[in-house]
Structure formats: C-alpha cells, structure tokens
Amino acid sequence: MSRRKRNRNSEESNDIDLTPMLDVVFIMLIFFIVTASFVKEIGLDVNVPEENDEPPPPNADPNILVQISADNQIWMFGESGLRRIDEASVRSNIAQMRAELPKAAVIIQADEQADAGVYVAVADAARAAKAPSVVLVPTEN
C-alpha cells in the first residue's frame, strides 16, 4: 500500500506547472503592446477636382495637360498636338508653355496603373515651373 502512495506522489510531482510561465508571457505581451511605437503613414496630398459635367466657359483660360500612361510614359499636349516627353524635360516644357499661357493650371491625367513616383516627379516639375495650381485627374479604365 505504501508503494502505491509513493508512485502516485512521484507521478504528480513530474507534472510541470505552467501558470508562472503563462504569467510571464502575458506580462511580456502587455509590455510589447504598450511600448510599441505606432507609425502614422504619410500619403500623398492629391488635389482631385470634383466631378463636373458642365463644359468650361468659352472665354476660360486654357490649361496645360500632361498625361501619364499605364506604362509610365509622359505625354504632353502642345501646339504640335500630343507628344511624348522625357521625365527630365517636363519642367522645361511646362515653363515654355507657361510663358505662352501665364494663368494656365497644370492638369496631370494619370492612369491608375502608373507609378506614384512618376506623378510626384511631374507634379514637382510643375511646381518648380511656378504653375499656379497642379491638379491630378485619374483616368478611368
């Protein structure tokens, strides 16, 4: 009879009590949640006009239109019609057109598949050319 009691006591003592370990894990979890720094992501501040089906008045100032295609090619409307331009020459082309049309706003019509970096480069070039306003108009597929 004493052997049976000893066997039971020895079996019970082999069990590991996990309660202190769980307490430590929960305390560490709370510590990491409280001390974690949450980063607020900064997005692009895009000036998108409201939808308007009315045509512009006939005496309205013309605008400078720059298109960005899905494959990140930059197209610009000028006197000779639509032409492809390089990213490095966007500023000079906008400055040249602004000399002819000083009150013209720059409208950037970007495809939804185009890279945001290309839009930012074109918008920065337009601001460097001292455009009075730069507007993004997304194209619908």
C-alpha atoms as a PDB file:
ATOM      1  CA  MET A   1       0.000   0.000   0.000  1.00  0.00           C
ATOM      2  CA  SER A   2       2.800   2.394   0.713  1.00  0.00           C
ATOM      3  CA  ARG A   3       4.261   1.685  -2.728  1.00  0.00           C
ATOM      4  CA  ARG A   4       1.069   2.782  -4.419  1.00  0.00           C
ATOM      5  CA  LYS A   5       1.052   6.041  -2.491  1.00  0.00           C
ATOM      6  CA  ARG A   6       4.677   6.672  -3.382  1.00  0.00           C
ATOM      7  CA  ASN A   7       4.010   6.000  -7.084  1.00  0.00           C
ATOM      8  CA  ARG A   8       1.104   8.404  -7.143  1.00  0.00           C
ATOM      9  CA  ASN A   9       3.109  11.121  -5.408  1.00  0.00           C
ATOM     10  CA  SER A  10       6.031  10.666  -7.776  1.00  0.00           C
ATOM     11  CA  GLU A  11       3.730  10.841 -10.836  1.00  0.00           C
ATOM     12  CA  GLU A  12       2.117  14.024  -9.595  1.00  0.00           C
ATOM     13  CA  SER A  13       5.451  15.686  -8.928  1.00  0.00           C
ATOM     14  CA  ASN A  14       6.563  15.070 -12.541  1.00  0.00           C
ATOM     15  CA  ASP A  15       3.920  17.494 -13.888  1.00  0.00           C
ATOM     16  CA  ILE A  16       5.212  20.981 -14.722  1.00  0.00           C
ATOM     17  CA  ASP A  17       3.153  23.889 -13.511  1.00  0.00           C
ATOM     18  CA  LEU A  18       2.773  26.263 -16.494  1.00  0.00           C
ATOM     19  CA  THR A  19       0.984  29.046 -14.649  1.00  0.00           C
ATOM     20  CA  PRO A  20       4.097  31.137 -13.861  1.00  0.00           C
ATOM     21  CA  MET A  21       5.333  30.795 -17.432  1.00  0.00           C
ATOM     22  CA  LEU A  22       1.970  31.967 -18.807  1.00  0.00           C
ATOM     23  CA  ASP A  23       2.064  34.916 -16.414  1.00  0.00           C
ATOM     24  CA  VAL A  24       5.479  35.917 -17.743  1.00  0.00           C
ATOM     25  CA  VAL A  25       4.327  35.545 -21.363  1.00  0.00           C
ATOM     26  CA  PHE A  26       1.268  37.740 -20.770  1.00  0.00           C
ATOM     27  CA  ILE A  27       3.358  40.369 -18.981  1.00  0.00           C
ATOM     28  CA  MET A  28       5.805  40.411 -21.919  1.00  0.00           C
ATOM     29  CA  LEU A  29       2.912  40.687 -24.378  1.00  0.00           C
ATOM     30  CA  ILE A  30       1.467  43.650 -22.489  1.00  0.00           C
ATOM     31  CA  PHE A  31       4.926  45.253 -22.315  1.00  0.00           C
ATOM     32  CA  PHE A  32       5.466  44.986 -26.079  1.00  0.00           C
ATOM     33  CA  ILE A  33       1.987  46.274 -26.892  1.00  0.00           C
ATOM     34  CA  VAL A  34       2.395  49.287 -24.611  1.00  0.00           C
ATOM     35  CA  THR A  35       5.926  50.166 -25.753  1.00  0.00           C
ATOM     36  CA  ALA A  36       5.362  49.605 -29.482  1.00  0.00           C
ATOM     37  CA  SER A  37       5.519  52.806 -31.455  1.00  0.00           C
ATOM     38  CA  PHE A  38       2.764  53.073 -33.998  1.00  0.00           C
ATOM     39  CA  VAL A  39       3.927  54.736 -37.189  1.00  0.00           C
ATOM     40  CA  LYS A  40       1.473  57.001 -38.945  1.00  0.00           C
ATOM     41  CA  GLU A  41       1.928  56.545 -42.669  1.00  0.00           C
ATOM     42  CA  ILE A  42       2.147  59.668 -44.733  1.00  0.00           C
ATOM     43  CA  GLY A  43       0.278  59.639 -48.021  1.00  0.00           C
ATOM     44  CA  LEU A  44       0.231  61.928 -50.997  1.00  0.00           C
ATOM     45  CA  ASP A  45      -1.822  65.073 -50.696  1.00  0.00           C
ATOM     46  CA  VAL A  46      -3.587  64.969 -54.037  1.00  0.00           C
ATOM     47  CA  ASN A  47      -5.720  67.816 -55.304  1.00  0.00           C
ATOM     48  CA  VAL A  48      -8.500  65.997 -57.176  1.00  0.00           C
ATOM     49  CA  PRO A  49     -11.291  68.220 -58.533  1.00  0.00           C
ATOM     50  CA  GLU A  50     -14.926  67.400 -58.024  1.00  0.00           C
ATOM     51  CA  GLU A  51     -16.737  65.777 -60.928  1.00  0.00           C
ATOM     52  CA  ASN A  52     -18.392  68.347 -63.123  1.00  0.00           C
ATOM     53  CA  ASP A  53     -20.219  67.598 -66.365  1.00  0.00           C
ATOM     54  CA  GLU A  54     -20.503  71.238 -67.393  1.00  0.00           C
ATOM     55  CA  PRO A  55     -18.181  72.326 -70.207  1.00  0.00           C
ATOM     56  CA  PRO A  56     -15.828  75.206 -69.455  1.00  0.00           C
ATOM     57  CA  PRO A  57     -16.943  78.681 -70.487  1.00  0.00           C
ATOM     58  CA  PRO A  58     -15.747  79.782 -73.937  1.00  0.00           C
ATOM     59  CA  ASN A  59     -13.565  82.569 -72.521  1.00  0.00           C
ATOM     60  CA  ALA A  60     -11.831  80.265 -69.991  1.00  0.00           C
ATOM     61  CA  ASP A  61      -8.051  80.187 -69.874  1.00  0.00           C
ATOM     62  CA  PRO A  62      -6.581  77.066 -71.487  1.00  0.00           C
ATOM     63  CA  ASN A  63      -4.791  74.598 -69.262  1.00  0.00           C
ATOM     64  CA  ILE A  64      -1.590  72.620 -69.650  1.00  0.00           C
ATOM     65  CA  LEU A  65      -2.420  68.916 -69.894  1.00  0.00           C
ATOM     66  CA  VAL A  66       0.128  66.230 -69.019  1.00  0.00           C
ATOM     67  CA  GLN A  67      -0.831  62.556 -69.325  1.00  0.00           C
ATOM     68  CA  ILE A  68       0.889  59.639 -67.613  1.00  0.00           C
ATOM     69  CA  SER A  69       0.114  56.284 -69.241  1.00  0.00           C
ATOM     70  CA  ALA A  70      -0.069  52.903 -67.524  1.00  0.00           C
ATOM     71  CA  ASP A  71       3.494  52.097 -68.644  1.00  0.00           C
ATOM     72  CA  ASN A  72       4.766  55.373 -67.052  1.00  0.00           C
ATOM     73  CA  GLN A  73       5.229  57.273 -70.320  1.00  0.00           C
ATOM     74  CA  ILE A  74       4.675  61.016 -70.079  1.00  0.00           C
ATOM     75  CA  TRP A  75       2.644  62.695 -72.836  1.00  0.00           C
ATOM     76  CA  MET A  76       2.038  66.408 -73.193  1.00  0.00           C
ATOM     77  CA  PHE A  77      -0.343  68.414 -75.363  1.00  0.00           C
ATOM     78  CA  GLY A  78       1.295  71.301 -77.140  1.00  0.00           C
ATOM     79  CA  GLU A  79       0.973  73.319 -80.327  1.00  0.00           C
ATOM     80  CA  SER A  80       2.010  70.309 -82.376  1.00  0.00           C
ATOM     81  CA  GLY A  81      -0.525  68.049 -80.672  1.00  0.00           C
ATOM     82  CA  LEU A  82       0.190  65.128 -78.394  1.00  0.00           C
ATOM     83  CA  ARG A  83       3.868  64.278 -77.974  1.00  0.00           C
ATOM     84  CA  ARG A  84       5.895  62.036 -75.696  1.00  0.00           C
ATOM     85  CA  ILE A  85       8.408  63.759 -73.433  1.00  0.00           C
ATOM     86  CA  ASP A  86      11.123  62.580 -71.096  1.00  0.00           C
ATOM     87  CA  GLU A  87      10.799  62.937 -67.328  1.00  0.00           C
ATOM     88  CA  ALA A  88      13.828  65.240 -67.250  1.00  0.00           C
ATOM     89  CA  SER A  89      12.310  67.649 -69.771  1.00  0.00           C
ATOM     90  CA  VAL A  90       8.896  68.038 -68.103  1.00  0.00           C
ATOM     91  CA  ARG A  91       9.905  71.189 -66.213  1.00  0.00           C
ATOM     92  CA  SER A  92      11.283  72.966 -69.269  1.00  0.00           C
ATOM     93  CA  ASN A  93       8.227  72.069 -71.377  1.00  0.00           C
ATOM     94  CA  ILE A  94       5.829  73.317 -68.706  1.00  0.00           C
ATOM     95  CA  ALA A  95       7.879  76.506 -68.247  1.00  0.00           C
ATOM     96  CA  GLN A  96       7.795  77.101 -72.012  1.00  0.00           C
ATOM     97  CA  MET A  97       4.021  76.624 -72.151  1.00  0.00           C
ATOM     98  CA  ARG A  98       3.569  78.820 -69.067  1.00  0.00           C
ATOM     99  CA  ALA A  99       5.394  81.621 -70.883  1.00  0.00           C
ATOM    100  CA  GLU A 100       2.676  81.464 -73.531  1.00  0.00           C
ATOM    101  CA  LEU A 101      -0.180  80.859 -71.032  1.00  0.00           C
ATOM    102  CA  PRO A 102       0.759  82.532 -67.722  1.00  0.00           C
ATOM    103  CA  LYS A 103      -2.542  81.787 -65.957  1.00  0.00           C
ATOM    104  CA  ALA A 104      -2.769  78.164 -67.093  1.00  0.00           C
ATOM    105  CA  ALA A 105      -3.084  75.451 -64.471  1.00  0.00           C
ATOM    106  CA  VAL A 106      -1.261  72.155 -64.934  1.00  0.00           C
ATOM    107  CA  ILE A 107      -3.617  69.172 -65.141  1.00  0.00           C
ATOM    108  CA  ILE A 108      -1.957  65.798 -64.685  1.00  0.00           C
ATOM    109  CA  GLN A 109      -4.077  62.954 -66.019  1.00  0.00           C
ATOM    110  CA  ALA A 110      -2.524  59.807 -64.561  1.00  0.00           C
ATOM    111  CA  ASP A 111      -3.528  56.237 -65.269  1.00  0.00           C
ATOM    112  CA  GLU A 112      -4.406  54.156 -62.207  1.00  0.00           C
ATOM    113  CA  GLN A 113      -1.651  51.655 -63.102  1.00  0.00           C
ATOM    114  CA  ALA A 114       1.066  54.344 -63.307  1.00  0.00           C
ATOM    115  CA  ASP A 115       3.697  54.608 -60.584  1.00  0.00           C
ATOM    116  CA  ALA A 116       3.163  57.278 -57.950  1.00  0.00           C
ATOM    117  CA  GLY A 117       6.827  58.273 -58.316  1.00  0.00           C
ATOM    118  CA  VAL A 118       6.243  59.422 -61.884  1.00  0.00           C
ATOM    119  CA  TYR A 119       3.273  61.530 -60.771  1.00  0.00           C
ATOM    120  CA  VAL A 120       5.339  63.060 -57.973  1.00  0.00           C
ATOM    121  CA  ALA A 121       8.163  63.880 -60.405  1.00  0.00           C
ATOM    122  CA  VAL A 122       5.751  65.567 -62.837  1.00  0.00           C
ATOM    123  CA  ALA A 123       3.967  67.463 -60.037  1.00  0.00           C
ATOM    124  CA  ASP A 124       7.307  68.633 -58.605  1.00  0.00           C
ATOM    125  CA  ALA A 125       8.420  69.760 -62.065  1.00  0.00           C
ATOM    126  CA  ALA A 126       5.178  71.718 -62.487  1.00  0.00           C
ATOM    127  CA  ARG A 127       5.647  73.392 -59.112  1.00  0.00           C
ATOM    128  CA  ALA A 128       9.273  74.178 -59.999  1.00  0.00           C
ATOM    129  CA  ALA A 129       7.988  75.840 -63.183  1.00  0.00           C
ATOM    130  CA  LYS A 130       5.832  78.024 -60.879  1.00  0.00           C
ATOM    131  CA  ALA A 131       2.466  76.708 -62.035  1.00  0.00           C
ATOM    132  CA  PRO A 132      -0.365  78.440 -60.175  1.00  0.00           C
ATOM    133  CA  SER A 133      -2.073  75.102 -59.457  1.00  0.00           C
ATOM    134  CA  VAL A 134      -1.390  71.445 -60.117  1.00  0.00           C
ATOM    135  CA  VAL A 135      -4.397  69.118 -60.355  1.00  0.00           C
ATOM    136  CA  LEU A 136      -4.471  65.327 -60.590  1.00  0.00           C
ATOM    137  CA  VAL A 137      -7.250  63.771 -62.645  1.00  0.00           C
ATOM    138  CA  PRO A 138      -7.200  59.959 -62.539  1.00  0.00           C
ATOM    139  CA  THR A 139      -8.209  58.194 -65.731  1.00  0.00           C
ATOM    140  CA  GLU A 140     -10.877  55.541 -65.581  1.00  0.00           C
ATOM    141  CA  ASN A 141     -10.287  52.210 -67.278  1.00  0.00           C
END
